[in-house]
PDB file of N, CA and C in Angstrom:
ATOM      1  N   MET A   1      37.999 -58.230 -55.744  1.00  0.00           N
ATOM      2  CA  MET A   1      37.806 -59.181 -54.644  1.00  0.00           C
ATOM      3  C   MET A   1      36.544 -58.802 -53.894  1.00  0.00           C
ATOM      4  N   ASP A   2      35.868 -59.797 -53.427  1.00  0.00           N
ATOM      5  CA  ASP A   2      34.623 -59.489 -52.687  1.00  0.00           C
ATOM      6  C   ASP A   2      34.934 -59.166 -51.237  1.00  0.00           C
ATOM      7  N   SER A   3      34.030 -58.613 -50.527  1.00  0.00           N
ATOM      8  CA  SER A   3      34.278 -58.134 -49.182  1.00  0.00           C
ATOM      9  C   SER A   3      34.530 -59.278 -48.197  1.00  0.00           C
ATOM     10  N   THR A   4      33.979 -60.443 -48.455  1.00  0.00           N
ATOM     11  CA  THR A   4      34.229 -61.605 -47.586  1.00  0.00           C
ATOM     12  C   THR A   4      35.678 -62.021 -47.699  1.00  0.00           C
ATOM     13  N   THR A   5      36.217 -62.112 -48.894  1.00  0.00           N
ATOM     14  CA  THR A   5      37.602 -62.437 -49.092  1.00  0.00           C
ATOM     15  C   THR A   5      38.550 -61.455 -48.424  1.00  0.00           C
ATOM     16  N   VAL A   6      38.236 -60.197 -48.617  1.00  0.00           N
ATOM     17  CA  VAL A   6      39.074 -59.137 -47.996  1.00  0.00           C
ATOM     18  C   VAL A   6      39.075 -59.287 -46.455  1.00  0.00           C
ATOM     19  N   GLU A   7      37.867 -59.524 -45.904  1.00  0.00           N
ATOM     20  CA  GLU A   7      37.760 -59.671 -44.420  1.00  0.00           C
ATOM     21  C   GLU A   7      38.513 -60.900 -43.964  1.00  0.00           C
ATOM     22  N   LEU A   8      38.470 -62.013 -44.733  1.00  0.00           N
ATOM     23  CA  LEU A   8      39.188 -63.199 -44.386  1.00  0.00           C
ATOM     24  C   LEU A   8      40.718 -62.954 -44.379  1.00  0.00           C
ATOM     25  N   ILE A   9      41.185 -62.233 -45.382  1.00  0.00           N
ATOM     26  CA  ILE A   9      42.633 -61.874 -45.392  1.00  0.00           C
ATOM     27  C   ILE A   9      42.977 -61.028 -44.190  1.00  0.00           C
ATOM     28  N   GLY A  10      42.075 -60.090 -43.864  1.00  0.00           N
ATOM     29  CA  GLY A  10      42.350 -59.304 -42.613  1.00  0.00           C
ATOM     30  C   GLY A  10      42.355 -60.054 -41.389  1.00  0.00           C
ATOM     31  N   LEU A  11      41.380 -60.995 -41.246  1.00  0.00           N
ATOM     32  CA  LEU A  11      41.318 -61.835 -40.025  1.00  0.00           C
ATOM     33  C   LEU A  11      42.540 -62.785 -39.959  1.00  0.00           C
ATOM     34  N   THR A  12      42.978 -63.275 -41.076  1.00  0.00           N
ATOM     35  CA  THR A  12      44.241 -64.151 -41.085  1.00  0.00           C
ATOM     36  C   THR A  12      45.443 -63.321 -40.642  1.00  0.00           C
ATOM     37  N   ALA A  13      45.566 -62.109 -41.163  1.00  0.00           N
ATOM     38  CA  ALA A  13      46.667 -61.211 -40.780  1.00  0.00           C
ATOM     39  C   ALA A  13      46.574 -60.918 -39.308  1.00  0.00           C
ATOM     40  N   ALA A  14      45.368 -60.652 -38.836  1.00  0.00           N
ATOM     41  CA  ALA A  14      45.136 -60.339 -37.388  1.00  0.00           C
ATOM     42  C   ALA A  14      45.591 -61.499 -36.549  1.00  0.00           C
ATOM     43  N   LEU A  15      45.199 -62.689 -36.926  1.00  0.00           N
ATOM     44  CA  LEU A  15      45.589 -63.867 -36.165  1.00  0.00           C
ATOM     45  C   LEU A  15      47.127 -64.065 -36.105  1.00  0.00           C
ATOM     46  N   ILE A  16      47.734 -63.951 -37.225  1.00  0.00           N
ATOM     47  CA  ILE A  16      49.194 -64.158 -37.303  1.00  0.00           C
ATOM     48  C   ILE A  16      49.971 -63.096 -36.478  1.00  0.00           C
ATOM     49  N   THR A  17      49.568 -61.865 -36.582  1.00  0.00           N
ATOM     50  CA  THR A  17      50.290 -60.792 -35.898  1.00  0.00           C
ATOM     51  C   THR A  17      49.951 -60.785 -34.405  1.00  0.00           C
ATOM     52  N   SER A  18      48.749 -61.204 -34.105  1.00  0.00           N
ATOM     53  CA  SER A  18      48.331 -61.180 -32.631  1.00  0.00           C
ATOM     54  C   SER A  18      48.983 -62.242 -31.853  1.00  0.00           C
ATOM     55  N   ILE A  19      49.196 -63.410 -32.426  1.00  0.00           N
ATOM     56  CA  ILE A  19      49.769 -64.495 -31.668  1.00  0.00           C
ATOM     57  C   ILE A  19      51.246 -64.274 -31.325  1.00  0.00           C
ATOM     58  N   GLY A  20      51.824 -63.220 -31.904  1.00  0.00           N
ATOM     59  CA  GLY A  20      53.192 -62.889 -31.566  1.00  0.00           C
ATOM     60  C   GLY A  20      53.414 -62.548 -30.099  1.00  0.00           C
ATOM     61  N   PHE A  21      52.385 -62.166 -29.367  1.00  0.00           N
ATOM     62  CA  PHE A  21      52.418 -61.869 -27.969  1.00  0.00           C
ATOM     63  C   PHE A  21      52.507 -63.126 -27.077  1.00  0.00           C
ATOM     64  N   LEU A  22      51.871 -64.187 -27.600  1.00  0.00           N
ATOM     65  CA  LEU A  22      51.719 -65.366 -26.755  1.00  0.00           C
ATOM     66  C   LEU A  22      53.009 -66.014 -26.214  1.00  0.00           C
ATOM     67  N   PRO A  23      54.013 -66.175 -27.029  1.00  0.00           N
ATOM     68  CA  PRO A  23      55.261 -66.728 -26.458  1.00  0.00           C
ATOM     69  C   PRO A  23      55.833 -65.935 -25.302  1.00  0.00           C
ATOM     70  N   GLN A  24      55.803 -64.640 -25.352  1.00  0.00           N
ATOM     71  CA  GLN A  24      56.304 -63.800 -24.260  1.00  0.00           C
ATOM     72  C   GLN A  24      55.392 -63.956 -23.002  1.00  0.00           C
ATOM     73  N   LEU A  25      54.098 -63.986 -23.202  1.00  0.00           N
ATOM     74  CA  LEU A  25      53.190 -64.131 -22.092  1.00  0.00           C
ATOM     75  C   LEU A  25      53.355 -65.490 -21.428  1.00  0.00           C
ATOM     76  N   ILE A  26      53.468 -66.534 -22.237  1.00  0.00           N
ATOM     77  CA  ILE A  26      53.627 -67.875 -21.703  1.00  0.00           C
ATOM     78  C   ILE A  26      54.966 -68.015 -20.995  1.00  0.00           C
ATOM     79  N   LYS A  27      56.029 -67.501 -21.589  1.00  0.00           N
ATOM     80  CA  LYS A  27      57.326 -67.578 -20.893  1.00  0.00           C
ATOM     81  C   LYS A  27      57.359 -66.812 -19.597  1.00  0.00           C
ATOM     82  N   GLY A  28      56.758 -65.627 -19.569  1.00  0.00           N
ATOM     83  CA  GLY A  28      56.711 -64.840 -18.365  1.00  0.00           C
ATOM     84  C   GLY A  28      55.910 -65.524 -17.328  1.00  0.00           C
ATOM     85  N   PHE A  29      54.824 -66.113 -17.665  1.00  0.00           N
ATOM     86  CA  PHE A  29      53.951 -66.827 -16.722  1.00  0.00           C
ATOM     87  C   PHE A  29      54.675 -68.065 -16.154  1.00  0.00           C
ATOM     88  N   LYS A  30      55.347 -68.765 -17.045  1.00  0.00           N
ATOM     89  CA  LYS A  30      56.079 -69.959 -16.539  1.00  0.00           C
ATOM     90  C   LYS A  30      57.315 -69.648 -15.669  1.00  0.00           C
ATOM     91  N   THR A  31      58.086 -68.730 -16.166  1.00  0.00           N
ATOM     92  CA  THR A  31      59.385 -68.426 -15.487  1.00  0.00           C
ATOM     93  C   THR A  31      59.199 -67.375 -14.367  1.00  0.00           C
ATOM     94  N   LYS A  32      58.112 -66.592 -14.424  1.00  0.00           N
ATOM     95  CA  LYS A  32      57.885 -65.548 -13.462  1.00  0.00           C
ATOM     96  C   LYS A  32      59.031 -64.492 -13.456  1.00  0.00           C
ATOM     97  N   LYS A  33      59.681 -64.355 -14.639  1.00  0.00           N
ATOM     98  CA  LYS A  33      60.753 -63.434 -14.827  1.00  0.00           C
ATOM     99  C   LYS A  33      60.498 -62.519 -16.012  1.00  0.00           C
ATOM    100  N   LEU A  34      60.269 -61.273 -15.785  1.00  0.00           N
ATOM    101  CA  LEU A  34      59.998 -60.327 -16.843  1.00  0.00           C
ATOM    102  C   LEU A  34      60.969 -59.101 -16.694  1.00  0.00           C
ATOM    103  N   ASP A  35      62.127 -59.291 -16.091  1.00  0.00           N
ATOM    104  CA  ASP A  35      63.070 -58.203 -15.892  1.00  0.00           C
ATOM    105  C   ASP A  35      63.563 -57.604 -17.199  1.00  0.00           C
ATOM    106  N   ASP A  36      63.562 -58.390 -18.270  1.00  0.00           N
ATOM    107  CA  ASP A  36      64.117 -57.894 -19.527  1.00  0.00           C
ATOM    108  C   ASP A  36      63.049 -57.178 -20.347  1.00  0.00           C
ATOM    109  N   ILE A  37      61.825 -57.116 -19.837  1.00  0.00           N
ATOM    110  CA  ILE A  37      60.701 -56.414 -20.485  1.00  0.00           C
ATOM    111  C   ILE A  37      60.527 -55.040 -19.815  1.00  0.00           C
ATOM    112  N   SER A  38      60.533 -54.007 -20.618  1.00  0.00           N
ATOM    113  CA  SER A  38      60.300 -52.657 -20.049  1.00  0.00           C
ATOM    114  C   SER A  38      58.760 -52.397 -20.018  1.00  0.00           C
ATOM    115  N   TYR A  39      58.358 -51.515 -19.139  1.00  0.00           N
ATOM    116  CA  TYR A  39      56.936 -51.125 -19.137  1.00  0.00           C
ATOM    117  C   TYR A  39      56.607 -50.292 -20.404  1.00  0.00           C
ATOM    118  N   PHE A  40      57.610 -49.573 -20.899  1.00  0.00           N
ATOM    119  CA  PHE A  40      57.372 -48.662 -22.021  1.00  0.00           C
ATOM    120  C   PHE A  40      56.798 -49.338 -23.278  1.00  0.00           C
ATOM    121  N   MET A  41      57.394 -50.476 -23.629  1.00  0.00           N
ATOM    122  CA  MET A  41      56.969 -51.176 -24.872  1.00  0.00           C
ATOM    123  C   MET A  41      55.482 -51.607 -24.820  1.00  0.00           C
ATOM    124  N   PRO A  42      55.026 -52.330 -23.847  1.00  0.00           N
ATOM    125  CA  PRO A  42      53.602 -52.760 -23.896  1.00  0.00           C
ATOM    126  C   PRO A  42      52.621 -51.586 -23.691  1.00  0.00           C
ATOM    127  N   ILE A  43      53.093 -50.588 -22.953  1.00  0.00           N
ATOM    128  CA  ILE A  43      52.221 -49.400 -22.736  1.00  0.00           C
ATOM    129  C   ILE A  43      52.013 -48.615 -24.064  1.00  0.00           C
ATOM    130  N   VAL A  44      53.135 -48.400 -24.736  1.00  0.00           N
ATOM    131  CA  VAL A  44      53.048 -47.693 -26.045  1.00  0.00           C
ATOM    132  C   VAL A  44      52.251 -48.519 -27.061  1.00  0.00           C
ATOM    133  N   LEU A  45      52.530 -49.811 -27.103  1.00  0.00           N
ATOM    134  CA  LEU A  45      51.782 -50.644 -27.999  1.00  0.00           C
ATOM    135  C   LEU A  45      50.301 -50.679 -27.660  1.00  0.00           C
ATOM    136  N   ALA A  46      49.924 -50.711 -26.377  1.00  0.00           N
ATOM    137  CA  ALA A  46      48.534 -50.725 -26.027  1.00  0.00           C
ATOM    138  C   ALA A  46      47.861 -49.433 -26.436  1.00  0.00           C
ATOM    139  N   ILE A  47      48.551 -48.314 -26.310  1.00  0.00           N
ATOM    140  CA  ILE A  47      48.002 -47.017 -26.740  1.00  0.00           C
ATOM    141  C   ILE A  47      47.811 -47.029 -28.259  1.00  0.00           C
ATOM    142  N   GLY A  48      48.783 -47.434 -29.000  1.00  0.00           N
ATOM    143  CA  GLY A  48      48.661 -47.510 -30.441  1.00  0.00           C
ATOM    144  C   GLY A  48      47.529 -48.478 -30.883  1.00  0.00           C
ATOM    145  N   MET A  49      47.426 -49.624 -30.241  1.00  0.00           N
ATOM    146  CA  MET A  49      46.408 -50.595 -30.589  1.00  0.00           C
ATOM    147  C   MET A  49      45.009 -50.080 -30.179  1.00  0.00           C
ATOM    148  N   THR A  50      44.975 -49.288 -29.146  1.00  0.00           N
ATOM    149  CA  THR A  50      43.644 -48.685 -28.801  1.00  0.00           C
ATOM    150  C   THR A  50      43.189 -47.722 -29.869  1.00  0.00           C
ATOM    151  N   LEU A  51      44.101 -47.011 -30.437  1.00  0.00           N
ATOM    152  CA  LEU A  51      43.791 -46.075 -31.538  1.00  0.00           C
ATOM    153  C   LEU A  51      43.385 -46.879 -32.776  1.00  0.00           C
ATOM    154  N   TRP A  52      44.033 -47.991 -33.032  1.00  0.00           N
ATOM    155  CA  TRP A  52      43.641 -48.872 -34.138  1.00  0.00           C
ATOM    156  C   TRP A  52      42.273 -49.463 -33.897  1.00  0.00           C
ATOM    157  N   LEU A  53      42.020 -49.809 -32.632  1.00  0.00           N
ATOM    158  CA  LEU A  53      40.674 -50.351 -32.280  1.00  0.00           C
ATOM    159  C   LEU A  53      39.617 -49.270 -32.594  1.00  0.00           C
ATOM    160  N   ILE A  54      39.843 -48.081 -32.207  1.00  0.00           N
ATOM    161  CA  ILE A  54      38.848 -46.984 -32.455  1.00  0.00           C
ATOM    162  C   ILE A  54      38.682 -46.845 -33.981  1.00  0.00           C
ATOM    163  N   TYR A  55      39.792 -46.879 -34.688  1.00  0.00           N
ATOM    164  CA  TYR A  55      39.696 -46.800 -36.129  1.00  0.00           C
ATOM    165  C   TYR A  55      38.895 -47.952 -36.720  1.00  0.00           C
ATOM    166  N   GLY A  56      39.158 -49.137 -36.249  1.00  0.00           N
ATOM    167  CA  GLY A  56      38.376 -50.314 -36.721  1.00  0.00           C
ATOM    168  C   GLY A  56      36.910 -50.215 -36.422  1.00  0.00           C
ATOM    169  N   ILE A  57      36.581 -49.675 -35.270  1.00  0.00           N
ATOM    170  CA  ILE A  57      35.130 -49.463 -34.965  1.00  0.00           C
ATOM    171  C   ILE A  57      34.569 -48.438 -35.942  1.00  0.00           C
ATOM    172  N   LEU A  58      35.277 -47.346 -36.181  1.00  0.00           N
ATOM    173  CA  LEU A  58      34.781 -46.293 -37.056  1.00  0.00           C
ATOM    174  C   LEU A  58      34.576 -46.787 -38.496  1.00  0.00           C
ATOM    175  N   ILE A  59      35.435 -47.656 -38.953  1.00  0.00           N
ATOM    176  CA  ILE A  59      35.310 -48.128 -40.341  1.00  0.00           C
ATOM    177  C   ILE A  59      34.567 -49.487 -40.413  1.00  0.00           C
ATOM    178  N   HIS A  60      34.105 -49.980 -39.229  1.00  0.00           N
ATOM    179  CA  HIS A  60      33.365 -51.241 -39.154  1.00  0.00           C
ATOM    180  C   HIS A  60      34.100 -52.434 -39.710  1.00  0.00           C
ATOM    181  N   SER A  61      35.399 -52.541 -39.311  1.00  0.00           N
ATOM    182  CA  SER A  61      36.252 -53.640 -39.773  1.00  0.00           C
ATOM    183  C   SER A  61      36.388 -54.669 -38.652  1.00  0.00           C
ATOM    184  N   ILE A  62      35.750 -55.821 -38.846  1.00  0.00           N
ATOM    185  CA  ILE A  62      35.851 -56.847 -37.861  1.00  0.00           C
ATOM    186  C   ILE A  62      37.270 -57.290 -37.605  1.00  0.00           C
ATOM    187  N   ALA A  63      38.088 -57.449 -38.695  1.00  0.00           N
ATOM    188  CA  ALA A  63      39.470 -57.880 -38.550  1.00  0.00           C
ATOM    189  C   ALA A  63      40.258 -56.940 -37.691  1.00  0.00           C
ATOM    190  N   VAL A  64      40.120 -55.642 -37.904  1.00  0.00           N
ATOM    191  CA  VAL A  64      40.867 -54.643 -37.155  1.00  0.00           C
ATOM    192  C   VAL A  64      40.421 -54.639 -35.667  1.00  0.00           C
ATOM    193  N   ILE A  65      39.152 -54.786 -35.506  1.00  0.00           N
ATOM    194  CA  ILE A  65      38.532 -54.755 -34.113  1.00  0.00           C
ATOM    195  C   ILE A  65      39.002 -55.988 -33.349  1.00  0.00           C
ATOM    196  N   VAL A  66      38.834 -57.156 -33.914  1.00  0.00           N
ATOM    197  CA  VAL A  66      39.219 -58.414 -33.221  1.00  0.00           C
ATOM    198  C   VAL A  66      40.741 -58.449 -32.908  1.00  0.00           C
ATOM    199  N   ALA A  67      41.546 -58.157 -33.908  1.00  0.00           N
ATOM    200  CA  ALA A  67      42.951 -58.149 -33.766  1.00  0.00           C
ATOM    201  C   ALA A  67      43.425 -57.214 -32.598  1.00  0.00           C
ATOM    202  N   ASN A  68      42.850 -56.056 -32.553  1.00  0.00           N
ATOM    203  CA  ASN A  68      43.320 -55.105 -31.559  1.00  0.00           C
ATOM    204  C   ASN A  68      42.769 -55.362 -30.174  1.00  0.00           C
ATOM    205  N   ILE A  69      41.568 -55.908 -30.078  1.00  0.00           N
ATOM    206  CA  ILE A  69      41.082 -56.310 -28.740  1.00  0.00           C
ATOM    207  C   ILE A  69      41.951 -57.387 -28.152  1.00  0.00           C
ATOM    208  N   PHE A  70      42.302 -58.349 -29.006  1.00  0.00           N
ATOM    209  CA  PHE A  70      43.215 -59.436 -28.530  1.00  0.00           C
ATOM    210  C   PHE A  70      44.545 -58.886 -28.149  1.00  0.00           C
ATOM    211  N   SER A  71      45.099 -58.050 -29.004  1.00  0.00           N
ATOM    212  CA  SER A  71      46.499 -57.564 -28.763  1.00  0.00           C
ATOM    213  C   SER A  71      46.549 -56.620 -27.533  1.00  0.00           C
ATOM    214  N   ILE A  72      45.488 -55.763 -27.344  1.00  0.00           N
ATOM    215  CA  ILE A  72      45.413 -54.898 -26.177  1.00  0.00           C
ATOM    216  C   ILE A  72      45.370 -55.790 -24.928  1.00  0.00           C
ATOM    217  N   SER A  73      44.577 -56.888 -24.979  1.00  0.00           N
ATOM    218  CA  SER A  73      44.481 -57.770 -23.839  1.00  0.00           C
ATOM    219  C   SER A  73      45.884 -58.395 -23.552  1.00  0.00           C
ATOM    220  N   CYS A  74      46.593 -58.785 -24.552  1.00  0.00           N
ATOM    221  CA  CYS A  74      47.879 -59.392 -24.333  1.00  0.00           C
ATOM    222  C   CYS A  74      48.842 -58.319 -23.767  1.00  0.00           C
ATOM    223  N   SER A  75      48.829 -57.114 -24.274  1.00  0.00           N
ATOM    224  CA  SER A  75      49.688 -56.013 -23.719  1.00  0.00           C
ATOM    225  C   SER A  75      49.369 -55.781 -22.235  1.00  0.00           C
ATOM    226  N   ILE A  76      48.116 -55.708 -21.908  1.00  0.00           N
ATOM    227  CA  ILE A  76      47.703 -55.512 -20.533  1.00  0.00           C
ATOM    228  C   ILE A  76      48.166 -56.701 -19.686  1.00  0.00           C
ATOM    229  N   GLY A  77      48.019 -57.901 -20.229  1.00  0.00           N
ATOM    230  CA  GLY A  77      48.497 -59.064 -19.507  1.00  0.00           C
ATOM    231  C   GLY A  77      49.963 -59.064 -19.249  1.00  0.00           C
ATOM    232  N   LEU A  78      50.733 -58.625 -20.206  1.00  0.00           N
ATOM    233  CA  LEU A  78      52.152 -58.521 -20.043  1.00  0.00           C
ATOM    234  C   LEU A  78      52.517 -57.484 -18.956  1.00  0.00           C
ATOM    235  N   ILE A  79      51.827 -56.349 -18.986  1.00  0.00           N
ATOM    236  CA  ILE A  79      52.052 -55.294 -17.960  1.00  0.00           C
ATOM    237  C   ILE A  79      51.681 -55.895 -16.554  1.00  0.00           C
ATOM    238  N   ILE A  80      50.617 -56.570 -16.445  1.00  0.00           N
ATOM    239  CA  ILE A  80      50.190 -57.171 -15.166  1.00  0.00           C
ATOM    240  C   ILE A  80      51.216 -58.159 -14.680  1.00  0.00           C
ATOM    241  N   LEU A  81      51.613 -59.075 -15.566  1.00  0.00           N
ATOM    242  CA  LEU A  81      52.630 -60.070 -15.190  1.00  0.00           C
ATOM    243  C   LEU A  81      53.963 -59.390 -14.745  1.00  0.00           C
ATOM    244  N   LYS A  82      54.343 -58.345 -15.434  1.00  0.00           N
ATOM    245  CA  LYS A  82      55.551 -57.676 -15.042  1.00  0.00           C
ATOM    246  C   LYS A  82      55.420 -57.043 -13.664  1.00  0.00           C
ATOM    247  N   LYS A  83      54.267 -56.436 -13.420  1.00  0.00           N
ATOM    248  CA  LYS A  83      53.980 -55.796 -12.119  1.00  0.00           C
ATOM    249  C   LYS A  83      53.997 -56.851 -11.014  1.00  0.00           C
ATOM    250  N   ILE A  84      53.373 -58.044 -11.217  1.00  0.00           N
ATOM    251  CA  ILE A  84      53.276 -59.072 -10.211  1.00  0.00           C
ATOM    252  C   ILE A  84      54.667 -59.651  -9.963  1.00  0.00           C
ATOM    253  N   TYR A  85      55.440 -59.989 -10.994  1.00  0.00           N
ATOM    254  CA  TYR A  85      56.672 -60.719 -10.828  1.00  0.00           C
ATOM    255  C   TYR A  85      57.906 -59.874 -10.754  1.00  0.00           C
ATOM    256  N   SER A  86      57.804 -58.553 -10.828  1.00  0.00           N
ATOM    257  CA  SER A  86      59.059 -57.733 -10.733  1.00  0.00           C
ATOM    258  C   SER A  86      59.200 -57.263  -9.318  1.00  0.00           C
TER     259      SER A  86
END
């Protein structure tokens, strides 16, 4: 497989896994209720995704970099919404 195909597979995987945060963010924003979300989950995920981001930068993988920047942003957004609405 050529590198463009591999990167497209990575970007597709990144898109699919990263959009998993959006329903929770949208629901939290609309209902202003995040009592059932713990701080632990998004904090641990943000730490793990930051390490993945560093890894992606080190190996020069656009898919890993883009996915983790988006996912870190979503985790931080979830933490902020919980702080505001709790």
